[in-house]
N, C-alpha and C. Protein backbone atom coordinates (compact mmCIF):
# COMPACT_ATOMS: atom_id res chain seq x y z
N MET A 1 -5.62 -5.97 24.15
CA MET A 1 -5.63 -6.03 22.71
C MET A 1 -6.29 -4.79 22.11
N ARG A 2 -7.36 -4.32 22.71
CA ARG A 2 -8.05 -3.17 22.12
C ARG A 2 -7.21 -1.90 22.17
N TYR A 3 -6.23 -1.83 23.08
CA TYR A 3 -5.40 -0.64 23.18
C TYR A 3 -4.25 -0.64 22.17
N ALA A 4 -4.02 -1.74 21.51
CA ALA A 4 -2.94 -1.82 20.53
C ALA A 4 -3.17 -0.90 19.35
N LEU A 5 -4.40 -0.55 19.06
CA LEU A 5 -4.70 0.31 17.92
C LEU A 5 -4.60 1.80 18.24
N LEU A 6 -4.51 2.16 19.50
CA LEU A 6 -4.51 3.58 19.86
C LEU A 6 -3.40 4.38 19.20
N PRO A 7 -2.13 3.93 19.21
CA PRO A 7 -1.09 4.73 18.52
C PRO A 7 -1.38 4.88 17.04
N PHE A 8 -1.86 3.81 16.41
CA PHE A 8 -2.18 3.88 14.98
C PHE A 8 -3.29 4.87 14.72
N LEU A 9 -4.34 4.81 15.52
CA LEU A 9 -5.47 5.73 15.34
C LEU A 9 -5.05 7.16 15.58
N ALA A 10 -4.22 7.40 16.58
CA ALA A 10 -3.75 8.76 16.87
C ALA A 10 -2.94 9.30 15.70
N ALA A 11 -2.08 8.49 15.12
CA ALA A 11 -1.28 8.92 13.97
C ALA A 11 -2.16 9.20 12.77
N THR A 12 -3.16 8.36 12.56
CA THR A 12 -4.07 8.55 11.43
C THR A 12 -4.86 9.83 11.57
N VAL A 13 -5.37 10.09 12.76
CA VAL A 13 -6.13 11.32 13.00
C VAL A 13 -5.26 12.53 12.79
N SER A 14 -4.02 12.53 13.32
CA SER A 14 -3.16 13.70 13.16
C SER A 14 -2.80 13.90 11.70
N ALA A 15 -2.63 12.82 10.94
CA ALA A 15 -2.31 12.96 9.52
C ALA A 15 -3.47 13.59 8.78
N GLN A 16 -4.69 13.17 9.08
CA GLN A 16 -5.84 13.74 8.40
C GLN A 16 -6.03 15.19 8.78
N LEU A 17 -5.80 15.51 10.02
CA LEU A 17 -6.02 16.87 10.48
C LEU A 17 -4.93 17.84 10.05
N CYS A 18 -3.72 17.36 9.80
CA CYS A 18 -2.64 18.29 9.49
C CYS A 18 -2.88 19.01 8.17
N ALA A 19 -3.64 18.43 7.27
CA ALA A 19 -3.95 19.12 6.02
C ALA A 19 -4.76 20.39 6.28
N ASP A 20 -5.64 20.33 7.27
CA ASP A 20 -6.45 21.49 7.61
C ASP A 20 -5.78 22.40 8.62
N ASN A 21 -4.92 21.81 9.46
CA ASN A 21 -4.29 22.57 10.53
C ASN A 21 -2.92 21.97 10.83
N PRO A 22 -1.86 22.44 10.15
CA PRO A 22 -0.52 21.88 10.37
C PRO A 22 -0.04 21.95 11.82
N ALA A 23 -0.67 22.77 12.64
CA ALA A 23 -0.26 22.90 14.04
C ALA A 23 -0.53 21.62 14.84
N VAL A 24 -1.31 20.66 14.31
CA VAL A 24 -1.56 19.42 15.05
C VAL A 24 -0.35 18.50 15.05
N CYS A 25 0.61 18.76 14.19
CA CYS A 25 1.81 17.92 14.16
C CYS A 25 2.64 18.17 15.42
N ALA A 26 3.25 17.11 15.91
CA ALA A 26 4.07 17.19 17.12
C ALA A 26 5.28 18.08 16.89
N ALA A 27 5.86 18.56 17.97
CA ALA A 27 7.06 19.39 17.90
C ALA A 27 8.15 18.63 17.13
N GLY A 28 8.85 19.32 16.25
CA GLY A 28 9.91 18.70 15.47
C GLY A 28 9.42 18.02 14.20
N THR A 29 8.11 18.12 13.91
CA THR A 29 7.57 17.55 12.69
C THR A 29 6.81 18.62 11.92
N VAL A 30 6.58 18.36 10.65
CA VAL A 30 5.80 19.26 9.81
C VAL A 30 4.80 18.43 9.02
N CYS A 31 3.76 19.08 8.54
CA CYS A 31 2.77 18.42 7.69
C CYS A 31 3.31 18.44 6.26
N GLN A 32 3.40 17.27 5.65
CA GLN A 32 3.99 17.19 4.32
C GLN A 32 3.19 16.25 3.43
N ASP A 33 3.01 16.65 2.18
CA ASP A 33 2.37 15.81 1.17
C ASP A 33 3.47 15.16 0.35
N ARG A 34 3.56 13.86 0.43
CA ARG A 34 4.57 13.14 -0.34
C ARG A 34 4.02 12.63 -1.66
N GLY A 35 2.80 13.05 -2.00
CA GLY A 35 2.21 12.68 -3.27
C GLY A 35 1.64 11.28 -3.33
N VAL A 36 1.46 10.64 -2.18
CA VAL A 36 0.95 9.27 -2.17
C VAL A 36 -0.32 9.13 -1.34
N GLY A 37 -1.01 10.20 -1.09
CA GLY A 37 -2.22 10.14 -0.29
C GLY A 37 -2.37 11.38 0.56
N ASP A 38 -2.99 11.21 1.69
CA ASP A 38 -3.21 12.34 2.59
C ASP A 38 -1.90 12.87 3.13
N PRO A 39 -1.81 14.18 3.33
CA PRO A 39 -0.63 14.74 3.99
C PRO A 39 -0.45 14.09 5.36
N THR A 40 0.78 14.00 5.80
CA THR A 40 1.07 13.38 7.08
C THR A 40 2.13 14.16 7.84
N CYS A 41 2.16 14.01 9.14
CA CYS A 41 3.17 14.65 9.97
C CYS A 41 4.46 13.84 9.85
N VAL A 42 5.54 14.50 9.46
CA VAL A 42 6.83 13.84 9.31
C VAL A 42 7.89 14.64 10.06
N GLY A 43 8.94 13.96 10.48
CA GLY A 43 10.01 14.62 11.21
C GLY A 43 11.28 14.73 10.39
N ASP A 44 12.26 15.40 10.96
CA ASP A 44 13.58 15.54 10.36
C ASP A 44 13.57 16.23 9.00
N VAL A 45 12.60 17.09 8.77
CA VAL A 45 12.59 17.90 7.55
C VAL A 45 12.22 19.32 7.94
N GLY A 46 12.68 20.25 7.19
CA GLY A 46 12.29 21.63 7.42
C GLY A 46 10.96 21.89 6.75
N PRO A 47 10.31 22.97 7.12
CA PRO A 47 9.05 23.29 6.47
C PRO A 47 9.28 23.61 5.00
N PRO A 48 8.31 23.31 4.14
CA PRO A 48 8.48 23.61 2.72
C PRO A 48 8.60 25.11 2.48
N THR A 49 9.34 25.45 1.47
CA THR A 49 9.53 26.86 1.14
C THR A 49 8.82 27.16 -0.17
N PRO A 50 8.35 28.39 -0.33
CA PRO A 50 7.69 28.77 -1.57
C PRO A 50 8.65 28.69 -2.76
N CYS A 51 8.12 28.48 -3.94
CA CYS A 51 8.95 28.47 -5.14
C CYS A 51 8.46 29.58 -6.07
N SER A 52 9.33 30.06 -6.91
CA SER A 52 8.90 31.10 -7.85
C SER A 52 8.21 30.45 -9.04
N GLY A 53 7.16 31.06 -9.52
CA GLY A 53 6.43 30.54 -10.67
C GLY A 53 5.55 29.35 -10.35
N GLY A 54 5.27 29.12 -9.08
CA GLY A 54 4.45 27.98 -8.68
C GLY A 54 2.96 28.25 -8.85
N ALA A 55 2.18 27.21 -8.64
CA ALA A 55 0.72 27.31 -8.75
C ALA A 55 0.14 28.08 -7.57
N ALA A 56 -0.98 28.73 -7.81
CA ALA A 56 -1.69 29.43 -6.74
C ALA A 56 -2.29 28.41 -5.78
N ASP A 57 -2.63 28.85 -4.57
CA ASP A 57 -3.27 27.97 -3.60
C ASP A 57 -4.50 27.33 -4.22
N TRP A 58 -4.64 26.02 -4.01
CA TRP A 58 -5.77 25.20 -4.45
C TRP A 58 -5.83 25.02 -5.97
N ALA A 59 -4.76 25.37 -6.69
CA ALA A 59 -4.70 25.12 -8.14
C ALA A 59 -3.90 23.84 -8.38
N GLN A 60 -3.89 23.36 -9.62
CA GLN A 60 -3.14 22.14 -9.95
C GLN A 60 -1.66 22.45 -10.00
N CYS A 61 -0.84 21.53 -9.46
CA CYS A 61 0.61 21.74 -9.47
C CYS A 61 1.34 20.44 -9.80
N GLY A 62 0.83 19.69 -10.73
CA GLY A 62 1.49 18.45 -11.13
C GLY A 62 0.47 17.40 -11.53
N GLY A 63 0.97 16.24 -11.89
CA GLY A 63 0.12 15.13 -12.29
C GLY A 63 0.56 14.59 -13.63
N ILE A 64 0.06 13.42 -13.97
CA ILE A 64 0.43 12.77 -15.22
C ILE A 64 -0.02 13.62 -16.40
N GLY A 65 0.91 13.96 -17.26
CA GLY A 65 0.62 14.74 -18.45
C GLY A 65 0.45 16.23 -18.22
N PHE A 66 0.51 16.67 -16.97
CA PHE A 66 0.34 18.10 -16.67
C PHE A 66 1.62 18.84 -17.00
N THR A 67 1.51 19.95 -17.73
CA THR A 67 2.69 20.69 -18.16
C THR A 67 2.85 22.03 -17.45
N GLY A 68 1.99 22.30 -16.48
CA GLY A 68 2.06 23.56 -15.74
C GLY A 68 3.02 23.48 -14.57
N PRO A 69 2.85 24.37 -13.59
CA PRO A 69 3.74 24.41 -12.44
C PRO A 69 3.74 23.09 -11.66
N THR A 70 4.88 22.75 -11.09
CA THR A 70 5.01 21.52 -10.31
C THR A 70 5.25 21.79 -8.83
N CYS A 71 5.06 23.02 -8.42
CA CYS A 71 5.19 23.37 -7.01
C CYS A 71 4.18 24.47 -6.69
N CYS A 72 4.03 24.76 -5.42
CA CYS A 72 3.09 25.80 -5.00
C CYS A 72 3.81 27.12 -4.77
N ALA A 73 3.19 28.20 -5.18
CA ALA A 73 3.80 29.52 -4.98
C ALA A 73 3.93 29.84 -3.50
N SER A 74 3.00 29.35 -2.69
CA SER A 74 3.11 29.55 -1.24
C SER A 74 3.18 28.19 -0.57
N ALA A 75 3.97 28.10 0.46
CA ALA A 75 4.09 26.83 1.20
C ALA A 75 2.86 26.69 2.08
N PRO A 76 2.45 25.53 2.47
CA PRO A 76 3.00 24.22 2.16
C PRO A 76 2.44 23.63 0.87
N GLU A 77 3.12 22.61 0.37
CA GLU A 77 2.77 22.04 -0.93
C GLU A 77 1.38 21.42 -0.99
N TRP A 78 0.84 20.98 0.12
CA TRP A 78 -0.48 20.33 0.07
C TRP A 78 -1.58 21.28 -0.35
N ARG A 79 -1.28 22.55 -0.49
CA ARG A 79 -2.32 23.51 -0.90
C ARG A 79 -2.60 23.48 -2.40
N CYS A 80 -1.84 22.74 -3.15
CA CYS A 80 -2.14 22.62 -4.58
C CYS A 80 -2.30 21.15 -4.93
N PHE A 81 -3.06 20.88 -5.98
CA PHE A 81 -3.44 19.52 -6.34
C PHE A 81 -2.50 18.92 -7.37
N LYS A 82 -2.12 17.67 -7.14
CA LYS A 82 -1.25 16.96 -8.08
C LYS A 82 -2.03 15.92 -8.83
């Protein structure tokens, strides 16, 4: 019974760590912020691409009532706050 949590804990740790180091994601996955919490390792998607006119790293890039940029000038998207 105690081993049943190991896959869950491993996924949780990798999700938390991918925000600081996207290289922790398994092959074929990327670290992605879906806007619902901590970034997580997801598969079947390409890495995010930069957008023109986006927010600088660690700046705001969305949110309720926010009228500024809604994407990050440099990928990945988790570098700006929503």
